[in-house]
Amino acid sequence: MIKPTVILVLVFTIVGYIFCQRYYVTKPTFQKTSGYHTFILSASWGFALYMVATLVFGISAWVFELSGFPQGIIAPTLKHTVELLFPGLIFPSYSIHCILISGVALILSVFGPNMILSITAKQKNVTPEDLKNAVYFSLSGTDDTPEFTGILHNSMLKGLPIAFTLSSRKVYIGYVINLGYHMNDFMVLPLKSGYRCKDELRLELVTNYASAWSDIETSNKDNPEANQSDEEVLDLEKFLINIPVREVVHANLHDFEYKEHFEKNEEPRSTTKPSKSADSTQTDNSTPCDFEVVQPITDSNQI
């Protein structure tokens, strides 16, 4: 027979796990734990919640007693139900109370994180999202979050997209929508993409996603019969790109308004543009940036 203490520890762990997964303070670091770290954190937070639930239950029992219901309302009903299901089982009152306290703890673990977030946001006069970002940014300088966390926070604050340069020299410029479960990858909504040439690492933009989306929406409105998806507004989640953190070599904020100013002050290209007749078959490593082929250089599969 399973000992009551084992069941109690199991309750602590389940309640604490649910709470840590939903609480904005513990969620960023808890998702990266594993093994006994996860168990210890879950059991610790679960024990704390169980103590709070015990206090809530005690206050509720005192209120019911003052109201003329010394046995409460739920406890007698629950005890009667158990006696009907298990006629020969001796079920003491403290077992009913433990079940009720566990139920209160489970409710607190599910709804408590959102309540704490809302109350804290109102006290600090900020939005819940700003509060989450502040906690996330506070962890950006620790080992609990991956690289490029700081620039993700700056992107959110300034409203600017991020240019991700991958190990293949492919470049995506867009907004990070969310992180993977273990924060090992980014889900990026790209605005433009291109590549960096081999010699100068000069950024060459190839695909304009925003223009493609506008064309698709215009086409759907002009030809509703050809719109197989029946979407009035284009679902941009279809175009999200998953970028593993390990593939990112460099990341920076990218403001399209200043692009022309930087282009005016760039040094001339190290090689001149080849003529079509003489250099149409050039395949060596001296190929200038404008004509270097880096696979993949287009994103037709995303459009």
Protein backbone atom coordinates (compact mmCIF):
# COMPACT_ATOMS: atom_id res chain seq x y z
CA MET A 1 0.00 0.00 0.00
CA ILE A 2 1.25 3.45 -0.90
CA LYS A 3 2.18 5.52 2.10
CA PRO A 4 0.29 8.80 2.63
CA THR A 5 3.57 10.73 2.68
CA VAL A 6 4.37 9.55 -0.85
CA ILE A 7 0.97 10.75 -2.06
CA LEU A 8 1.52 14.07 -0.31
CA VAL A 9 4.93 14.57 -1.96
CA LEU A 10 3.35 13.71 -5.32
CA VAL A 11 0.70 16.37 -4.73
CA PHE A 12 3.42 18.91 -3.82
CA THR A 13 5.32 18.11 -7.00
CA ILE A 14 2.31 18.32 -9.34
CA VAL A 15 1.05 21.56 -7.83
CA GLY A 16 4.51 23.13 -7.84
CA TYR A 17 5.21 22.05 -11.41
CA ILE A 18 2.01 23.66 -12.70
CA PHE A 19 2.73 26.84 -10.78
CA CYS A 20 6.35 27.16 -11.95
CA GLN A 21 5.29 26.65 -15.55
CA ARG A 22 2.80 29.52 -15.32
CA TYR A 23 4.43 32.01 -12.93
CA TYR A 24 6.20 34.74 -14.90
CA VAL A 25 9.15 34.90 -12.47
CA THR A 26 9.98 31.18 -12.47
CA LYS A 27 8.94 30.25 -16.02
CA PRO A 28 12.10 31.44 -17.92
CA THR A 29 14.49 29.44 -15.72
CA PHE A 30 12.20 26.52 -14.87
CA GLN A 31 11.80 25.53 -18.52
CA LYS A 32 15.54 24.89 -18.76
CA THR A 33 15.73 22.62 -15.73
CA SER A 34 15.73 18.84 -15.85
CA GLY A 35 16.02 15.83 -13.57
CA TYR A 36 16.24 16.38 -9.86
CA HIS A 37 16.44 20.18 -10.32
CA THR A 38 12.92 20.13 -11.71
CA PHE A 39 11.75 17.86 -8.90
CA ILE A 40 13.27 19.99 -6.13
CA LEU A 41 11.86 23.25 -7.52
CA SER A 42 8.44 21.72 -8.08
CA ALA A 43 8.29 20.16 -4.62
CA SER A 44 9.47 23.35 -2.93
CA TRP A 45 6.96 25.61 -4.64
CA GLY A 46 4.28 22.98 -4.19
CA PHE A 47 4.92 22.82 -0.43
CA ALA A 48 4.67 26.63 -0.22
CA LEU A 49 1.39 26.59 -2.13
CA TYR A 50 0.08 23.81 0.08
CA MET A 51 0.78 25.94 3.16
CA VAL A 52 -1.07 28.87 1.59
CA ALA A 53 -3.95 26.56 0.70
CA THR A 54 -4.03 25.30 4.30
CA LEU A 55 -4.32 28.88 5.52
CA VAL A 56 -7.11 29.61 3.04
CA PHE A 57 -8.91 26.42 4.08
CA GLY A 58 -8.58 27.31 7.75
CA ILE A 59 -10.02 30.78 7.21
CA SER A 60 -12.87 29.34 5.14
CA ALA A 61 -13.66 26.74 7.84
CA TRP A 62 -13.75 29.49 10.49
CA VAL A 63 -16.11 31.59 8.35
CA PHE A 64 -18.42 28.60 7.76
CA GLU A 65 -18.46 27.84 11.48
CA LEU A 66 -19.49 31.42 12.27
CA SER A 67 -22.17 31.13 9.59
CA GLY A 68 -23.76 28.07 11.21
CA PHE A 69 -22.06 25.40 9.06
CA PRO A 70 -19.44 23.86 11.38
CA GLN A 71 -18.81 20.97 8.98
CA GLY A 72 -18.74 23.23 5.97
CA ILE A 73 -20.60 22.52 2.72
CA ILE A 74 -18.24 20.52 0.52
CA ALA A 75 -16.70 18.26 3.19
CA PRO A 76 -19.94 16.44 4.21
CA THR A 77 -20.91 15.94 0.59
CA LEU A 78 -17.47 14.58 -0.31
CA LYS A 79 -17.42 12.24 2.70
CA HIS A 80 -20.87 10.91 1.88
CA THR A 81 -19.82 10.28 -1.72
CA VAL A 82 -16.73 8.34 -0.62
CA GLU A 83 -18.79 6.21 1.78
CA LEU A 84 -21.19 5.36 -1.04
CA LEU A 85 -18.39 4.36 -3.39
CA PHE A 86 -16.39 2.46 -0.76
CA PRO A 87 -18.86 1.17 1.88
CA GLY A 88 -16.31 -0.72 3.99
CA LEU A 89 -13.64 1.98 3.92
CA ILE A 90 -12.97 4.02 7.03
CA PHE A 91 -12.37 7.55 5.83
CA PRO A 92 -11.49 9.97 8.64
CA SER A 93 -12.32 13.67 8.48
CA TYR A 94 -8.68 14.77 8.24
CA SER A 95 -8.38 12.82 4.96
CA ILE A 96 -11.31 14.80 3.55
CA HIS A 97 -9.62 17.99 4.70
CA CYS A 98 -6.36 16.97 2.99
CA ILE A 99 -8.23 16.36 -0.25
CA LEU A 100 -9.92 19.76 -0.02
CA ILE A 101 -6.64 21.51 0.76
CA SER A 102 -5.04 19.77 -2.23
CA GLY A 103 -7.89 21.00 -4.40
CA VAL A 104 -7.37 24.56 -3.16
CA ALA A 105 -3.63 24.27 -3.85
CA LEU A 106 -4.33 23.05 -7.38
CA ILE A 107 -6.66 26.00 -8.02
CA LEU A 108 -4.00 28.39 -6.72
CA SER A 109 -1.37 26.85 -9.00
CA VAL A 110 -3.57 27.34 -12.06
CA PHE A 111 -5.06 30.78 -11.42
CA GLY A 112 -2.57 32.20 -8.93
CA PRO A 113 0.18 33.18 -11.43
CA ASN A 114 -2.18 35.34 -13.51
CA MET A 115 -3.60 36.95 -10.38
CA ILE A 116 -0.11 37.77 -9.09
CA LEU A 117 0.89 39.15 -12.49
CA SER A 118 -2.17 41.40 -12.73
CA ILE A 119 -1.87 42.70 -9.15
CA THR A 120 1.86 43.38 -9.49
CA ALA A 121 1.37 45.14 -12.84
CA LYS A 122 -1.30 47.43 -11.35
CA GLN A 123 0.88 48.23 -8.35
CA LYS A 124 3.85 49.14 -10.55
CA ASN A 125 1.59 50.90 -13.09
CA VAL A 126 2.91 48.86 -16.01
CA THR A 127 1.40 46.36 -18.41
CA PRO A 128 1.75 42.62 -17.74
CA GLU A 129 3.89 42.26 -20.87
CA ASP A 130 6.28 44.96 -19.66
CA LEU A 131 6.57 43.14 -16.36
CA LYS A 132 7.38 39.85 -18.11
CA ASN A 133 9.97 41.58 -20.29
CA ALA A 134 11.59 43.18 -17.25
CA VAL A 135 12.01 39.79 -15.58
CA TYR A 136 13.32 38.28 -18.81
CA PHE A 137 15.80 41.12 -19.29
CA SER A 138 17.04 40.75 -15.72
CA LEU A 139 18.10 37.21 -16.63
CA SER A 140 19.81 38.21 -19.88
CA GLY A 141 23.21 38.48 -18.24
CA THR A 142 23.05 35.09 -16.56
CA ASP A 143 23.48 31.51 -17.73
CA ASP A 144 19.75 30.92 -17.38
CA THR A 145 19.02 32.45 -20.77
CA PRO A 146 20.68 31.89 -24.16
CA GLU A 147 22.82 34.29 -26.15
CA PHE A 148 21.22 37.32 -27.82
CA THR A 149 18.69 37.72 -25.00
CA GLY A 150 19.71 41.34 -24.45
CA ILE A 151 19.13 42.33 -28.05
CA LEU A 152 15.72 40.64 -27.99
CA HIS A 153 14.74 42.88 -25.11
CA ASN A 154 16.07 45.99 -26.90
CA SER A 155 14.08 45.02 -29.97
CA MET A 156 10.91 44.91 -27.88
CA LEU A 157 11.63 48.25 -26.25
CA LYS A 158 12.54 50.13 -29.43
CA GLY A 159 10.15 48.33 -31.77
CA LEU A 160 12.93 47.55 -34.26
CA PRO A 161 13.51 44.28 -36.11
CA ILE A 162 16.64 42.20 -35.65
CA ALA A 163 19.01 41.16 -38.41
CA PHE A 164 20.16 37.59 -37.79
CA THR A 165 23.27 36.47 -39.67
CA LEU A 166 23.50 32.67 -39.76
CA SER A 167 26.54 30.47 -40.11
CA SER A 168 25.63 29.94 -43.78
CA ARG A 169 25.80 33.75 -44.29
CA LYS A 170 22.04 33.78 -44.81
CA VAL A 171 20.43 36.87 -43.21
CA TYR A 172 16.88 37.24 -41.91
CA ILE A 173 15.57 40.64 -40.76
CA GLY A 174 12.40 40.45 -38.70
CA TYR A 175 10.73 40.35 -35.32
CA VAL A 176 11.12 37.53 -32.81
CA ILE A 177 7.60 36.29 -32.06
CA ASN A 178 8.48 33.73 -29.42
CA LEU A 179 11.22 31.42 -28.19
CA GLY A 180 11.32 27.67 -28.23
CA TYR A 181 10.32 25.64 -25.19
CA HIS A 182 13.91 25.39 -23.97
CA MET A 183 14.90 28.76 -25.48
CA ASN A 184 17.21 27.07 -27.97
CA ASP A 185 15.58 28.60 -31.04
CA PHE A 186 13.71 31.70 -32.24
CA MET A 187 10.44 31.94 -34.12
CA VAL A 188 11.00 34.95 -36.39
CA LEU A 189 8.51 36.82 -38.56
CA PRO A 190 10.79 37.95 -41.42
CA LEU A 191 10.41 41.31 -43.16
CA LYS A 192 13.34 40.90 -45.54
CA SER A 193 16.03 38.32 -46.14
CA GLY A 194 19.24 38.02 -48.08
CA TYR A 195 22.84 37.00 -47.60
CA ARG A 196 26.31 38.36 -46.89
CA CYS A 197 28.84 38.14 -49.68
CA LYS A 198 31.86 35.98 -49.00
CA ASP A 199 34.71 38.49 -49.20
CA GLU A 200 33.27 41.75 -47.85
CA LEU A 201 30.34 40.33 -45.84
CA ARG A 202 28.27 43.10 -47.38
CA LEU A 203 24.55 42.65 -46.79
CA GLU A 204 22.59 41.96 -49.97
CA LEU A 205 18.81 41.84 -49.54
CA VAL A 206 16.97 39.46 -51.84
CA THR A 207 13.41 38.83 -50.65
CA ASN A 208 10.92 41.45 -49.44
CA TYR A 209 8.35 39.56 -47.42
CA ALA A 210 6.23 42.61 -46.58
CA SER A 211 5.70 43.40 -50.26
CA ALA A 212 4.86 39.77 -50.97
CA TRP A 213 2.27 39.76 -48.20
CA SER A 214 0.68 42.92 -49.61
CA ASP A 215 0.53 41.34 -53.06
CA ILE A 216 -1.10 38.20 -51.65
CA GLU A 217 -3.74 40.20 -49.74
CA THR A 218 -4.45 42.35 -52.80
CA SER A 219 -4.75 39.25 -54.96
CA ASN A 220 -7.13 37.64 -52.48
CA LYS A 221 -9.34 40.73 -52.43
CA ASP A 222 -9.34 41.17 -56.21
CA ASN A 223 -9.92 37.48 -56.91
CA PRO A 224 -11.96 36.07 -54.00
CA GLU A 225 -12.82 32.96 -56.03
CA ALA A 226 -9.11 32.10 -56.33
CA ASN A 227 -8.57 32.46 -52.59
CA GLN A 228 -8.54 28.83 -51.55
CA SER A 229 -7.89 29.60 -47.86
CA ASP A 230 -10.85 32.03 -47.60
CA GLU A 231 -8.72 34.37 -45.49
CA GLU A 232 -9.83 37.99 -45.34
CA VAL A 233 -6.65 38.88 -43.44
CA LEU A 234 -3.44 37.03 -44.25
CA ASP A 235 -2.29 34.71 -41.47
CA LEU A 236 1.34 35.73 -40.98
CA GLU A 237 2.05 32.76 -38.73
CA LYS A 238 2.34 30.72 -41.93
CA PHE A 239 5.56 32.59 -42.69
CA LEU A 240 7.32 32.21 -39.34
CA ILE A 241 10.88 30.93 -39.59
CA ASN A 242 12.54 28.84 -36.90
CA ILE A 243 16.17 29.85 -36.31
CA PRO A 244 18.29 27.70 -33.95
CA VAL A 245 20.43 29.77 -31.58
CA ARG A 246 23.47 27.66 -32.44
CA GLU A 247 23.24 28.81 -36.09
CA VAL A 248 23.26 32.55 -35.28
CA VAL A 249 26.70 34.11 -35.76
CA HIS A 250 25.74 37.76 -35.32
CA ALA A 251 22.59 39.73 -34.47
CA ASN A 252 21.91 43.47 -34.49
CA LEU A 253 18.99 45.87 -34.51
CA HIS A 254 18.15 46.96 -38.04
CA ASP A 255 16.46 50.29 -38.79
CA PHE A 256 15.48 50.52 -42.46
CA GLU A 257 15.22 54.33 -42.25
CA TYR A 258 18.99 54.68 -41.89
CA LYS A 259 19.97 52.21 -44.59
CA GLU A 260 20.59 54.85 -47.27
CA HIS A 261 22.79 56.90 -44.95
CA PHE A 262 25.06 53.94 -44.29
CA GLU A 263 25.21 53.03 -47.98
CA LYS A 264 26.45 56.54 -48.83
CA ASN A 265 29.33 56.15 -46.40
CA GLU A 266 30.35 52.63 -47.37
CA GLU A 267 33.68 52.02 -49.05
CA PRO A 268 33.50 51.06 -52.75
CA ARG A 269 33.35 47.39 -53.52
CA SER A 270 36.75 45.74 -53.82
CA THR A 271 35.95 44.40 -57.28
CA THR A 272 34.18 45.94 -60.23
CA LYS A 273 31.08 44.66 -61.89
CA PRO A 274 32.02 42.14 -64.61
CA SER A 275 30.78 42.43 -68.13
CA LYS A 276 28.17 39.99 -69.34
CA SER A 277 30.28 38.76 -72.25
CA ALA A 278 33.66 38.27 -70.62
CA ASP A 279 32.78 37.12 -67.12
CA SER A 280 29.47 35.36 -67.56
CA THR A 281 31.08 32.00 -66.75
CA GLN A 282 33.25 33.15 -63.84
CA THR A 283 33.15 30.54 -61.06
CA ASP A 284 36.27 31.22 -58.94
CA ASN A 285 36.33 32.73 -55.45
CA SER A 286 36.95 36.26 -56.76
CA THR A 287 33.31 36.66 -57.79
CA PRO A 288 32.05 40.08 -56.64
CA CYS A 289 29.36 40.38 -54.03
CA ASP A 290 26.58 41.31 -56.44
CA PHE A 291 27.00 38.12 -58.40
CA GLU A 292 28.05 35.59 -55.79
CA VAL A 293 25.55 32.78 -55.51
CA VAL A 294 24.93 31.64 -51.93
CA GLN A 295 22.41 28.88 -51.51
CA PRO A 296 19.72 29.43 -50.63
CA ILE A 297 19.47 33.06 -51.77
CA THR A 298 15.71 33.14 -52.22
CA ASP A 299 12.79 32.18 -50.04
CA SER A 300 10.28 31.07 -52.61
CA ASN A 301 9.31 28.24 -50.34
CA GLN A 302 8.02 30.79 -47.81
CA ILE A 303 5.86 32.76 -50.25
